[in-house]
Amino acid sequence: QVQLLESGGGLVQAGGSLRLSCAPSGSIFRFNTMGWYRQAPGEQRELVATITSGGATNYADSVKGRFTISRDNARKTVYLQMSSLQPEDTAVYYCHYSRTGGGGESWGQGTQVTVSS
């Protein structure tokens, strides 16, 4: 079982920046993918960005060029640097962990990001 502790959400004006952090604990498999998803009110949860344990990244088209996902393997922490934030980025952001090859996944409790116009 992997637990995910998120931090860094908050309220920011349009054009501003925030950095989210996700620190996993528990039985973390060496080969894994971690990432961020978001869910706005009345919408389905959607992918924002993912990063593998080898460093390969994937981004939603809507955040390319504005968001950067990274990981500190020594601390096992994943970060999402969000810049040029827009009101449409307002959502609850969830950290996600999945073991490469299947066998388990975990979700964080979510952190609210609100962008005011």
Protein backbone atom coordinates (compact mmCIF):
# COMPACT_ATOMS: atom_id res chain seq x y z
CA GLN A 1 0.00 0.00 0.00
CA VAL A 2 1.33 3.42 -1.00
CA GLN A 3 0.12 6.59 0.68
CA LEU A 4 0.41 9.95 -1.09
CA LEU A 5 0.69 13.25 0.74
CA GLU A 6 -0.01 16.31 -1.38
CA SER A 7 0.71 19.94 -0.62
CA GLY A 8 1.00 23.29 -2.33
CA GLY A 9 -2.50 24.13 -3.48
CA GLY A 10 -4.11 27.49 -2.90
CA LEU A 11 -5.56 30.65 -4.40
CA VAL A 12 -3.68 32.57 -7.06
CA GLN A 13 -4.49 35.29 -9.57
CA ALA A 14 -4.54 34.57 -13.28
CA GLY A 15 -1.03 34.60 -14.67
CA GLY A 16 0.44 33.46 -11.37
CA SER A 17 2.30 30.32 -10.38
CA LEU A 18 2.00 27.50 -7.88
CA ARG A 19 4.01 24.39 -7.14
CA LEU A 20 2.37 21.18 -5.99
CA SER A 21 4.28 18.45 -4.17
CA CYS A 22 3.45 14.79 -3.68
CA ALA A 23 5.41 12.68 -1.21
CA PRO A 24 4.74 8.95 -1.30
CA SER A 25 5.29 6.56 1.58
CA GLY A 26 4.88 2.84 2.06
CA SER A 27 5.75 0.01 -0.31
CA ILE A 28 6.96 1.97 -3.33
CA PHE A 29 7.97 -0.20 -6.25
CA ARG A 30 11.21 0.83 -7.92
CA PHE A 31 9.59 1.03 -11.36
CA ASN A 32 6.52 3.24 -11.26
CA THR A 33 4.68 6.15 -12.80
CA MET A 34 3.50 9.11 -10.79
CA GLY A 35 1.43 11.98 -11.93
CA TRP A 36 -1.22 14.59 -11.41
CA TYR A 37 -4.84 14.55 -12.39
CA ARG A 38 -7.46 17.22 -11.81
CA GLN A 39 -11.21 17.41 -11.44
CA ALA A 40 -13.25 20.58 -11.81
CA PRO A 41 -16.80 20.82 -10.45
CA GLY A 42 -19.19 18.90 -12.67
CA GLU A 43 -16.37 17.53 -14.79
CA GLN A 44 -14.62 14.18 -15.05
CA ARG A 45 -11.17 13.68 -13.62
CA GLU A 46 -8.55 14.31 -16.29
CA LEU A 47 -4.86 13.72 -16.75
CA VAL A 48 -2.57 16.71 -16.23
CA ALA A 49 0.92 15.21 -16.37
CA THR A 50 2.79 12.00 -15.57
CA ILE A 51 6.42 11.04 -15.06
CA THR A 52 7.95 7.59 -14.95
CA SER A 53 10.68 6.44 -12.60
CA GLY A 54 12.99 6.73 -15.61
CA GLY A 55 12.04 10.37 -16.12
CA ALA A 56 9.79 10.14 -19.18
CA THR A 57 7.03 12.74 -19.07
CA ASN A 58 3.59 13.14 -20.60
CA TYR A 59 1.37 16.23 -20.55
CA ALA A 60 -2.18 17.11 -21.41
CA ASP A 61 -2.28 19.46 -24.40
CA SER A 62 -4.00 22.11 -22.29
CA VAL A 63 -0.98 22.48 -19.96
CA LYS A 64 1.95 21.95 -22.33
CA GLY A 65 4.39 24.84 -22.10
CA ARG A 66 2.88 26.06 -18.82
CA PHE A 67 3.25 23.14 -16.40
CA THR A 68 6.35 21.11 -15.63
CA ILE A 69 6.38 17.80 -13.80
CA SER A 70 9.55 16.59 -12.12
CA ARG A 71 10.64 14.11 -9.49
CA ASP A 72 13.33 13.93 -6.86
CA ASN A 73 14.14 10.24 -6.71
CA ALA A 74 16.19 10.62 -3.53
CA ARG A 75 13.16 12.05 -1.73
CA LYS A 76 10.70 10.06 -3.83
CA THR A 77 8.78 13.31 -4.26
CA VAL A 78 7.01 14.49 -7.39
CA TYR A 79 6.45 18.15 -8.17
CA LEU A 80 4.13 20.00 -10.52
CA GLN A 81 5.28 23.53 -11.30
CA MET A 82 2.34 25.45 -12.69
CA SER A 83 2.88 28.79 -14.42
CA SER A 84 0.66 31.17 -16.38
CA LEU A 85 -2.31 29.82 -14.49
CA GLN A 86 -5.76 30.55 -15.88
CA PRO A 87 -9.22 30.35 -14.30
CA GLU A 88 -9.89 27.18 -16.28
CA ASP A 89 -7.07 25.50 -14.32
CA THR A 90 -9.23 25.74 -11.20
CA ALA A 91 -9.81 22.22 -9.89
CA VAL A 92 -8.93 19.72 -7.23
CA TYR A 93 -5.57 18.25 -8.14
CA TYR A 94 -4.87 14.63 -7.26
CA CYS A 95 -1.55 12.87 -7.08
CA HIS A 96 -1.47 9.36 -8.53
CA TYR A 97 0.93 6.44 -8.23
CA SER A 98 0.93 3.28 -10.27
CA ARG A 99 3.30 0.34 -10.24
CA THR A 100 4.84 -0.43 -13.61
CA GLY A 101 3.41 -3.63 -15.01
CA GLY A 102 0.30 -3.42 -12.88
CA GLY A 103 -0.26 -4.63 -9.38
CA GLY A 104 -1.52 -1.52 -7.67
CA GLU A 105 -2.26 2.16 -7.73
CA SER A 106 -2.93 4.87 -5.19
CA TRP A 107 -4.55 8.30 -5.12
CA GLY A 108 -3.88 11.27 -2.88
CA GLN A 109 -6.63 13.08 -1.05
CA GLY A 110 -6.53 16.04 -3.44
CA THR A 111 -5.49 19.65 -3.09
CA GLN A 112 -7.56 22.61 -4.25
CA VAL A 113 -6.16 25.03 -6.80
CA THR A 114 -8.22 28.15 -7.43
CA VAL A 115 -7.26 30.72 -10.05
CA SER A 116 -9.08 34.03 -9.91
CA SER A 117 -9.55 36.24 -12.94
